[in-house]
Amino acid sequence: MPDGGAAAPAAPVVGAPRGAGAARVATRPSAQTSNVLLMRPRLARGNTQLQVPIGLYHSTFFNQATHVVSGHDGHRRPISATRPERGKGKTNTLKLEIPEAKSMQAPVIRFDRAEGQITYRVYEDRSSSGRLIAQALEDGRQSSPVATVLTKPSTPDSATWYRFI
């Protein structure tokens, strides 16, 4: 898998503990317009299914897209609604299959929006491009205002992290 470009960051969620341990939190995507989204997903179902938070899906970045395109093989990957029983049938996340992440221990993803299409590339966080993405996400937790969003602020290790750059 090619180890192409990486990026720097800029949008909100839970901040890491600072100083005396006070957590800084941002809980929704920034209203800014951005063409790059960085993500550290927590994948399910065989390490390939990404849960896209509904707020992120409705952001100007995804703009309720019906699919994304793999930058690895050009395949279109549909974005589908989930209707969990515990949510009484109401959609609270959308699912997206990312098969390139299946064998990775700690995948990170760069999504690029251009000409009405969203393309993604997945990297192991230890690769050169993956390290840049992981560092940008971590830097966003420390920035002021907080730029990295965590889906589960109280448990960052099991949360999906994302930020716009």
N, C-alpha and C. Protein backbone atom coordinates (compact mmCIF):
# COMPACT_ATOMS: atom_id res chain seq x y z
N MET A 1 0.85 -1.17 0.00
CA MET A 1 0.00 0.00 0.00
C MET A 1 0.90 1.23 0.00
N PRO A 2 0.67 2.21 -0.92
CA PRO A 2 1.53 3.38 -0.99
C PRO A 2 1.41 4.21 0.28
N ASP A 3 2.48 4.88 0.63
CA ASP A 3 2.52 5.70 1.82
C ASP A 3 2.63 7.15 1.38
N GLY A 4 1.55 7.67 0.82
CA GLY A 4 1.52 9.01 0.25
C GLY A 4 1.47 10.09 1.31
N GLY A 5 1.06 11.28 0.89
CA GLY A 5 1.05 12.47 1.72
C GLY A 5 0.33 12.35 3.04
N ALA A 6 0.57 13.31 3.88
CA ALA A 6 -0.10 13.36 5.18
C ALA A 6 -0.58 14.77 5.41
N ALA A 7 -0.94 15.09 6.64
CA ALA A 7 -1.49 16.41 6.82
C ALA A 7 -1.41 16.92 8.24
N ALA A 8 -1.76 18.17 8.35
CA ALA A 8 -1.88 18.81 9.65
C ALA A 8 -3.36 19.01 9.95
N PRO A 9 -3.77 19.51 11.14
CA PRO A 9 -5.16 19.49 11.58
C PRO A 9 -5.95 20.80 11.75
N ALA A 10 -7.29 20.64 12.25
CA ALA A 10 -8.10 21.78 12.71
C ALA A 10 -9.62 21.64 12.92
N ALA A 11 -10.19 20.88 13.84
CA ALA A 11 -11.62 20.88 14.25
C ALA A 11 -11.83 20.15 15.57
N PRO A 12 -12.92 20.14 16.29
CA PRO A 12 -13.08 19.85 17.72
C PRO A 12 -13.42 18.45 18.27
N VAL A 13 -13.14 18.17 19.56
CA VAL A 13 -13.68 17.15 20.49
C VAL A 13 -12.91 17.11 21.78
N VAL A 14 -12.91 16.00 22.45
CA VAL A 14 -12.35 15.93 23.79
C VAL A 14 -10.86 16.15 23.83
N GLY A 15 -10.45 16.99 24.69
CA GLY A 15 -9.04 17.28 24.84
C GLY A 15 -8.41 16.39 25.88
N ALA A 16 -7.13 16.20 25.75
CA ALA A 16 -6.41 15.38 26.71
C ALA A 16 -6.26 16.13 28.02
N PRO A 17 -6.04 15.39 29.10
CA PRO A 17 -5.80 16.05 30.38
C PRO A 17 -4.59 16.96 30.29
N ARG A 18 -4.69 18.13 30.90
CA ARG A 18 -3.58 19.07 30.91
C ARG A 18 -3.31 19.47 32.34
N GLY A 19 -2.06 19.73 32.62
CA GLY A 19 -1.69 20.24 33.93
C GLY A 19 -2.22 19.36 35.05
N ALA A 20 -3.15 19.91 35.82
CA ALA A 20 -3.70 19.20 36.98
C ALA A 20 -4.67 18.10 36.58
N GLY A 21 -4.77 17.80 35.30
CA GLY A 21 -5.61 16.70 34.87
C GLY A 21 -6.98 17.13 34.38
N ALA A 22 -7.23 18.42 34.22
CA ALA A 22 -8.52 18.88 33.73
C ALA A 22 -8.64 18.53 32.25
N ALA A 23 -9.72 17.86 31.89
CA ALA A 23 -9.92 17.49 30.50
C ALA A 23 -10.52 18.66 29.73
N ARG A 24 -10.10 18.81 28.47
CA ARG A 24 -10.66 19.83 27.59
C ARG A 24 -11.47 19.08 26.57
N VAL A 25 -12.69 19.54 26.31
CA VAL A 25 -13.58 18.77 25.45
C VAL A 25 -14.21 19.62 24.35
N ALA A 26 -14.24 19.07 23.17
CA ALA A 26 -15.01 19.61 22.06
C ALA A 26 -15.84 18.44 21.57
N THR A 27 -17.10 18.63 21.31
CA THR A 27 -17.94 17.48 21.04
C THR A 27 -18.60 17.45 19.68
N ARG A 28 -18.38 18.43 18.84
CA ARG A 28 -18.98 18.35 17.53
C ARG A 28 -18.06 18.94 16.49
N PRO A 29 -18.31 18.59 15.23
CA PRO A 29 -17.45 19.09 14.17
C PRO A 29 -17.50 20.61 14.09
N SER A 30 -16.39 21.16 13.70
CA SER A 30 -16.31 22.60 13.51
C SER A 30 -17.17 23.00 12.32
N ALA A 31 -17.65 24.22 12.33
CA ALA A 31 -18.47 24.73 11.23
C ALA A 31 -17.60 25.14 10.05
N GLN A 32 -16.30 25.09 10.23
CA GLN A 32 -15.40 25.50 9.16
C GLN A 32 -15.53 24.63 7.93
N THR A 33 -15.16 25.20 6.81
CA THR A 33 -15.16 24.45 5.57
C THR A 33 -13.75 23.89 5.39
N SER A 34 -13.65 22.61 5.21
CA SER A 34 -12.36 21.97 5.04
C SER A 34 -12.49 20.88 3.99
N ASN A 35 -11.41 20.61 3.31
CA ASN A 35 -11.40 19.55 2.31
C ASN A 35 -10.63 18.33 2.75
N VAL A 36 -10.13 18.33 4.00
CA VAL A 36 -9.38 17.19 4.52
C VAL A 36 -9.88 16.84 5.91
N LEU A 37 -10.13 15.57 6.12
CA LEU A 37 -10.56 15.04 7.41
C LEU A 37 -9.59 13.93 7.80
N LEU A 38 -9.03 14.03 9.00
CA LEU A 38 -8.15 12.99 9.52
C LEU A 38 -8.92 12.22 10.58
N MET A 39 -8.68 10.91 10.65
CA MET A 39 -9.44 10.09 11.60
C MET A 39 -8.61 8.94 12.14
N ARG A 40 -8.80 8.67 13.43
CA ARG A 40 -8.31 7.45 14.05
C ARG A 40 -9.58 6.69 14.44
N PRO A 41 -10.00 5.74 13.59
CA PRO A 41 -11.26 5.05 13.84
C PRO A 41 -11.12 3.91 14.84
N ARG A 42 -12.21 3.57 15.46
CA ARG A 42 -12.32 2.34 16.23
C ARG A 42 -13.26 1.47 15.42
N LEU A 43 -12.70 0.49 14.76
CA LEU A 43 -13.44 -0.31 13.80
C LEU A 43 -14.12 -1.52 14.44
N ALA A 44 -15.21 -1.96 13.85
CA ALA A 44 -15.97 -3.11 14.32
C ALA A 44 -16.09 -4.14 13.19
N ARG A 45 -16.74 -5.24 13.48
CA ARG A 45 -17.06 -6.28 12.49
C ARG A 45 -15.86 -6.69 11.63
N GLY A 46 -14.92 -7.34 12.27
CA GLY A 46 -13.75 -7.84 11.54
C GLY A 46 -12.73 -6.76 11.24
N ASN A 47 -12.76 -5.69 12.02
CA ASN A 47 -11.82 -4.58 11.88
C ASN A 47 -11.96 -3.87 10.54
N THR A 48 -13.20 -3.84 9.99
CA THR A 48 -13.41 -3.14 8.72
C THR A 48 -14.55 -2.13 8.76
N GLN A 49 -15.43 -2.19 9.75
CA GLN A 49 -16.60 -1.32 9.74
C GLN A 49 -16.39 -0.06 10.59
N LEU A 50 -16.47 1.06 9.92
CA LEU A 50 -16.33 2.37 10.57
C LEU A 50 -17.72 2.91 10.85
N GLN A 51 -17.94 3.39 12.06
CA GLN A 51 -19.19 4.06 12.42
C GLN A 51 -18.97 5.56 12.25
N VAL A 52 -19.71 6.17 11.34
CA VAL A 52 -19.62 7.60 11.10
C VAL A 52 -20.67 8.30 11.97
N PRO A 53 -20.25 9.14 12.92
CA PRO A 53 -21.23 9.84 13.75
C PRO A 53 -22.18 10.68 12.89
N ILE A 54 -23.44 10.72 13.27
CA ILE A 54 -24.46 11.41 12.48
C ILE A 54 -24.12 12.90 12.31
N GLY A 55 -23.58 13.53 13.35
CA GLY A 55 -23.20 14.94 13.23
C GLY A 55 -22.12 15.16 12.19
N LEU A 56 -21.16 14.26 12.13
CA LEU A 56 -20.10 14.35 11.13
C LEU A 56 -20.67 14.11 9.74
N TYR A 57 -21.57 13.15 9.63
CA TYR A 57 -22.20 12.84 8.34
C TYR A 57 -22.97 14.04 7.80
N HIS A 58 -23.60 14.80 8.69
CA HIS A 58 -24.37 15.98 8.27
C HIS A 58 -23.51 17.24 8.15
N SER A 59 -22.21 17.13 8.42
CA SER A 59 -21.31 18.28 8.29
C SER A 59 -21.15 18.66 6.82
N THR A 60 -20.59 19.85 6.58
CA THR A 60 -20.36 20.27 5.20
C THR A 60 -19.33 19.39 4.50
N PHE A 61 -18.51 18.68 5.26
CA PHE A 61 -17.52 17.81 4.62
C PHE A 61 -18.19 16.61 3.94
N PHE A 62 -18.95 15.84 4.71
CA PHE A 62 -19.63 14.67 4.12
C PHE A 62 -20.89 15.10 3.36
N ASN A 63 -21.57 16.13 3.86
CA ASN A 63 -22.75 16.66 3.19
C ASN A 63 -23.71 15.54 2.75
N GLN A 64 -23.89 14.57 3.63
CA GLN A 64 -24.79 13.43 3.40
C GLN A 64 -24.43 12.63 2.15
N ALA A 65 -23.13 12.46 1.92
CA ALA A 65 -22.65 11.67 0.78
C ALA A 65 -23.19 10.24 0.86
N THR A 66 -23.38 9.61 -0.26
CA THR A 66 -23.87 8.23 -0.29
C THR A 66 -22.73 7.21 -0.37
N HIS A 67 -21.52 7.69 -0.67
CA HIS A 67 -20.37 6.79 -0.78
C HIS A 67 -19.07 7.58 -0.68
N VAL A 68 -17.98 6.85 -0.48
CA VAL A 68 -16.63 7.39 -0.57
C VAL A 68 -15.87 6.48 -1.53
N VAL A 69 -14.73 6.94 -2.01
CA VAL A 69 -13.94 6.17 -2.97
C VAL A 69 -12.60 5.82 -2.35
N SER A 70 -12.20 4.55 -2.45
CA SER A 70 -10.91 4.12 -1.94
C SER A 70 -9.80 4.68 -2.82
N GLY A 71 -8.83 5.34 -2.20
CA GLY A 71 -7.65 5.81 -2.91
C GLY A 71 -6.68 4.68 -3.19
N HIS A 72 -6.96 3.51 -2.63
CA HIS A 72 -6.10 2.34 -2.83
C HIS A 72 -6.46 1.59 -4.11
N ASP A 73 -7.77 1.39 -4.33
CA ASP A 73 -8.19 0.58 -5.49
C ASP A 73 -9.30 1.21 -6.32
N GLY A 74 -9.76 2.40 -5.96
CA GLY A 74 -10.77 3.09 -6.75
C GLY A 74 -12.20 2.61 -6.55
N HIS A 75 -12.41 1.63 -5.66
CA HIS A 75 -13.77 1.12 -5.43
C HIS A 75 -14.60 2.12 -4.63
N ARG A 76 -15.87 2.20 -4.98
CA ARG A 76 -16.83 3.02 -4.24
C ARG A 76 -17.31 2.22 -3.04
N ARG A 77 -17.28 2.83 -1.87
CA ARG A 77 -17.74 2.20 -0.63
C ARG A 77 -18.99 2.94 -0.15
N PRO A 78 -20.14 2.27 -0.11
CA PRO A 78 -21.37 2.94 0.31
C PRO A 78 -21.35 3.32 1.79
N ILE A 79 -22.03 4.42 2.09
CA ILE A 79 -22.26 4.85 3.46
C ILE A 79 -23.72 4.54 3.74
N SER A 80 -23.98 3.67 4.73
CA SER A 80 -25.34 3.20 4.99
C SER A 80 -25.77 3.54 6.40
N ALA A 81 -27.06 3.80 6.55
CA ALA A 81 -27.62 4.09 7.87
C ALA A 81 -27.65 2.84 8.73
N THR A 82 -27.46 3.02 10.02
CA THR A 82 -27.64 1.92 10.98
C THR A 82 -28.85 2.28 11.82
N ARG A 83 -29.57 1.29 12.25
CA ARG A 83 -30.74 1.52 13.10
C ARG A 83 -30.68 0.59 14.30
N PRO A 84 -29.88 0.96 15.26
CA PRO A 84 -29.72 0.09 16.42
C PRO A 84 -31.02 -0.05 17.22
N GLU A 85 -31.25 -1.25 17.71
CA GLU A 85 -32.44 -1.52 18.53
C GLU A 85 -32.52 -0.57 19.72
N ARG A 86 -31.38 -0.38 20.36
CA ARG A 86 -31.39 0.46 21.55
C ARG A 86 -31.71 1.92 21.22
N GLY A 87 -31.60 2.29 19.96
CA GLY A 87 -31.94 3.65 19.55
C GLY A 87 -33.38 3.75 19.07
N LYS A 88 -34.15 2.72 19.35
CA LYS A 88 -35.56 2.68 18.95
C LYS A 88 -35.73 2.91 17.46
N GLY A 89 -34.80 2.38 16.68
CA GLY A 89 -34.89 2.48 15.23
C GLY A 89 -34.38 3.78 14.64
N LYS A 90 -33.95 4.71 15.47
CA LYS A 90 -33.47 6.00 14.98
C LYS A 90 -32.00 5.90 14.60
N THR A 91 -31.65 6.43 13.44
CA THR A 91 -30.26 6.42 12.98
C THR A 91 -29.43 7.36 13.84
N ASN A 92 -28.36 6.83 14.44
CA ASN A 92 -27.45 7.68 15.21
C ASN A 92 -26.03 7.62 14.67
N THR A 93 -25.75 6.65 13.83
CA THR A 93 -24.46 6.56 13.14
C THR A 93 -24.72 5.98 11.76
N LEU A 94 -23.72 6.07 10.92
CA LEU A 94 -23.78 5.44 9.61
C LEU A 94 -22.58 4.52 9.51
N LYS A 95 -22.71 3.49 8.72
CA LYS A 95 -21.60 2.54 8.61
C LYS A 95 -20.92 2.68 7.26
N LEU A 96 -19.63 2.43 7.30
CA LEU A 96 -18.79 2.52 6.13
C LEU A 96 -17.75 1.41 6.24
N GLU A 97 -17.70 0.54 5.24
CA GLU A 97 -16.73 -0.55 5.24
C GLU A 97 -15.40 -0.05 4.68
N ILE A 98 -14.33 -0.29 5.43
CA ILE A 98 -12.97 0.09 5.04
C ILE A 98 -12.13 -1.20 5.05
N PRO A 99 -12.22 -2.01 3.99
CA PRO A 99 -11.53 -3.31 3.99
C PRO A 99 -10.02 -3.21 4.06
N GLU A 100 -9.45 -2.10 3.64
CA GLU A 100 -7.99 -1.94 3.68
C GLU A 100 -7.44 -1.97 5.10
N ALA A 101 -8.30 -1.71 6.10
CA ALA A 101 -7.85 -1.67 7.49
C ALA A 101 -7.86 -3.03 8.17
N LYS A 102 -8.39 -4.04 7.51
CA LYS A 102 -8.61 -5.36 8.13
C LYS A 102 -7.41 -5.90 8.89
N SER A 103 -6.23 -5.83 8.32
CA SER A 103 -5.06 -6.43 8.97
C SER A 103 -4.23 -5.42 9.77
N MET A 104 -4.71 -4.20 9.88
CA MET A 104 -3.95 -3.18 10.61
C MET A 104 -4.28 -3.19 12.09
N GLN A 105 -3.27 -2.95 12.91
CA GLN A 105 -3.48 -2.90 14.36
C GLN A 105 -3.99 -1.53 14.81
N ALA A 106 -3.51 -0.47 14.18
CA ALA A 106 -3.89 0.88 14.58
C ALA A 106 -4.02 1.76 13.33
N PRO A 107 -5.11 1.59 12.57
CA PRO A 107 -5.26 2.37 11.35
C PRO A 107 -5.61 3.82 11.61
N VAL A 108 -5.16 4.68 10.71
CA VAL A 108 -5.57 6.07 10.66
C VAL A 108 -5.97 6.33 9.21
N ILE A 109 -6.88 7.29 9.02
CA ILE A 109 -7.44 7.52 7.69
C ILE A 109 -7.36 9.00 7.35
N ARG A 110 -7.05 9.26 6.09
CA ARG A 110 -7.13 10.62 5.56
C ARG A 110 -8.22 10.61 4.49
N PHE A 111 -9.24 11.46 4.67
CA PHE A 111 -10.31 11.65 3.69
C PHE A 111 -10.06 12.99 3.00
N ASP A 112 -10.13 13.00 1.68
CA ASP A 112 -9.97 14.23 0.90
C ASP A 112 -11.23 14.47 0.08
N ARG A 113 -11.74 15.69 0.14
CA ARG A 113 -12.93 16.05 -0.64
C ARG A 113 -12.47 16.96 -1.78
N ALA A 114 -12.76 16.54 -3.02
CA ALA A 114 -12.40 17.34 -4.19
C ALA A 114 -13.39 17.05 -5.30
N GLU A 115 -13.82 18.10 -5.96
CA GLU A 115 -14.72 17.98 -7.10
C GLU A 115 -15.94 17.12 -6.80
N GLY A 116 -16.52 17.30 -5.62
CA GLY A 116 -17.74 16.59 -5.26
C GLY A 116 -17.55 15.14 -4.88
N GLN A 117 -16.31 14.69 -4.74
CA GLN A 117 -16.04 13.29 -4.40
C GLN A 117 -15.17 13.23 -3.15
N ILE A 118 -15.42 12.23 -2.31
CA ILE A 118 -14.59 12.01 -1.12
C ILE A 118 -13.77 10.75 -1.35
N THR A 119 -12.47 10.90 -1.26
CA THR A 119 -11.54 9.78 -1.42
C THR A 119 -10.82 9.56 -0.10
N TYR A 120 -10.54 8.30 0.24
CA TYR A 120 -9.83 8.02 1.49
C TYR A 120 -8.62 7.14 1.23
N ARG A 121 -7.67 7.24 2.14
CA ARG A 121 -6.51 6.35 2.19
C ARG A 121 -6.30 5.98 3.64
N VAL A 122 -5.99 4.70 3.87
CA VAL A 122 -5.78 4.18 5.22
C VAL A 122 -4.30 3.86 5.39
N TYR A 123 -3.78 4.19 6.56
CA TYR A 123 -2.37 3.94 6.87
C TYR A 123 -2.27 3.30 8.25
N GLU A 124 -1.29 2.48 8.44
CA GLU A 124 -0.96 2.00 9.78
C GLU A 124 -0.35 3.20 10.50
N ASP A 125 -0.71 3.41 11.76
CA ASP A 125 -0.22 4.62 12.45
C ASP A 125 1.29 4.65 12.62
N ARG A 126 1.96 3.53 12.41
CA ARG A 126 3.43 3.49 12.52
C ARG A 126 4.13 3.82 11.20
N SER A 127 3.38 3.89 10.09
CA SER A 127 4.00 4.24 8.80
C SER A 127 4.34 5.73 8.81
N SER A 128 5.11 6.19 7.85
CA SER A 128 5.49 7.61 7.84
C SER A 128 4.27 8.51 7.69
N SER A 129 3.36 8.21 6.78
CA SER A 129 2.15 9.02 6.64
C SER A 129 1.23 8.84 7.83
N GLY A 130 1.14 7.62 8.34
CA GLY A 130 0.30 7.36 9.50
C GLY A 130 0.76 8.11 10.73
N ARG A 131 2.07 8.21 10.92
CA ARG A 131 2.60 8.96 12.08
C ARG A 131 2.22 10.43 11.99
N LEU A 132 2.25 11.00 10.79
CA LEU A 132 1.88 12.41 10.63
C LEU A 132 0.41 12.63 10.96
N ILE A 133 -0.45 11.71 10.54
CA ILE A 133 -1.87 11.82 10.83
C ILE A 133 -2.11 11.66 12.33
N ALA A 134 -1.52 10.64 12.92
CA ALA A 134 -1.69 10.41 14.36
C ALA A 134 -1.19 11.61 15.17
N GLN A 135 -0.08 12.20 14.76
CA GLN A 135 0.45 13.36 15.48
C GLN A 135 -0.47 14.56 15.33
N ALA A 136 -1.03 14.77 14.14
CA ALA A 136 -1.96 15.89 13.93
C ALA A 136 -3.19 15.72 14.81
N LEU A 137 -3.67 14.50 14.95
CA LEU A 137 -4.83 14.24 15.81
C LEU A 137 -4.49 14.51 17.27
N GLU A 138 -3.34 14.04 17.71
CA GLU A 138 -2.91 14.28 19.10
C GLU A 138 -2.70 15.77 19.34
N ASP A 139 -2.08 16.46 18.39
CA ASP A 139 -1.87 17.91 18.53
C ASP A 139 -3.21 18.63 18.68
N GLY A 140 -4.22 18.15 17.97
CA GLY A 140 -5.54 18.76 18.04
C GLY A 140 -6.20 18.60 19.40
N ARG A 141 -5.81 17.58 20.13
CA ARG A 141 -6.33 17.40 21.50
C ARG A 141 -5.73 18.43 22.44
N GLN A 142 -4.54 18.91 22.12
CA GLN A 142 -3.82 19.85 22.98
C GLN A 142 -4.02 21.30 22.57
N SER A 143 -4.58 21.53 21.38
CA SER A 143 -4.71 22.89 20.87
C SER A 143 -5.79 23.68 21.60
N SER A 144 -5.75 24.98 21.42
CA SER A 144 -6.78 25.85 22.00
C SER A 144 -7.25 26.78 20.90
N PRO A 145 -8.49 26.63 20.45
CA PRO A 145 -9.48 25.69 20.96
C PRO A 145 -9.14 24.27 20.54
N VAL A 146 -9.72 23.32 21.24
CA VAL A 146 -9.49 21.91 20.95
C VAL A 146 -9.96 21.64 19.52
N ALA A 147 -9.15 20.93 18.73
CA ALA A 147 -9.45 20.71 17.32
C ALA A 147 -9.77 19.25 16.99
N THR A 148 -9.45 18.33 17.86
CA THR A 148 -9.73 16.92 17.60
C THR A 148 -10.97 16.50 18.38
N VAL A 149 -11.90 15.91 17.68
CA VAL A 149 -13.16 15.44 18.29
C VAL A 149 -13.00 13.97 18.67
N LEU A 150 -13.47 13.61 19.85
CA LEU A 150 -13.50 12.22 20.29
C LEU A 150 -14.96 11.82 20.45
N THR A 151 -15.31 10.67 19.91
CA THR A 151 -16.71 10.23 20.01
C THR A 151 -17.07 9.81 21.42
N LYS A 152 -16.09 9.40 22.20
CA LYS A 152 -16.31 9.02 23.60
C LYS A 152 -15.28 9.77 24.44
N PRO A 153 -15.56 11.01 24.79
CA PRO A 153 -14.57 11.82 25.51
C PRO A 153 -14.07 11.20 26.80
N SER A 154 -14.91 10.45 27.50
CA SER A 154 -14.49 9.87 28.77
C SER A 154 -13.60 8.64 28.60
N THR A 155 -13.58 8.05 27.41
CA THR A 155 -12.75 6.87 27.15
C THR A 155 -12.03 7.03 25.81
N PRO A 156 -11.02 7.90 25.75
CA PRO A 156 -10.34 8.18 24.48
C PRO A 156 -9.73 6.95 23.82
N ASP A 157 -9.30 5.95 24.59
CA ASP A 157 -8.69 4.78 23.98
C ASP A 157 -9.68 3.96 23.15
N SER A 158 -10.96 4.05 23.46
CA SER A 158 -11.96 3.30 22.69
C SER A 158 -12.80 4.21 21.80
N ALA A 159 -12.41 5.48 21.69
CA ALA A 159 -13.14 6.44 20.88
C ALA A 159 -12.57 6.53 19.47
N THR A 160 -13.41 6.99 18.54
CA THR A 160 -12.93 7.41 17.23
C THR A 160 -12.55 8.88 17.40
N TRP A 161 -11.39 9.24 16.86
CA TRP A 161 -10.92 10.62 16.91
C TRP A 161 -10.98 11.17 15.49
N TYR A 162 -11.35 12.44 15.34
CA TYR A 162 -11.27 13.05 14.02
C TYR A 162 -11.05 14.55 14.12
N ARG A 163 -10.51 15.09 13.04
CA ARG A 163 -10.30 16.53 12.97
C ARG A 163 -10.19 16.95 11.53
N PHE A 164 -10.58 18.18 11.27
CA PHE A 164 -10.46 18.77 9.94
C PHE A 164 -9.17 19.55 9.86
N ILE A 165 -8.57 19.57 8.69
CA ILE A 165 -7.37 20.39 8.50
C ILE A 165 -7.50 21.19 7.21
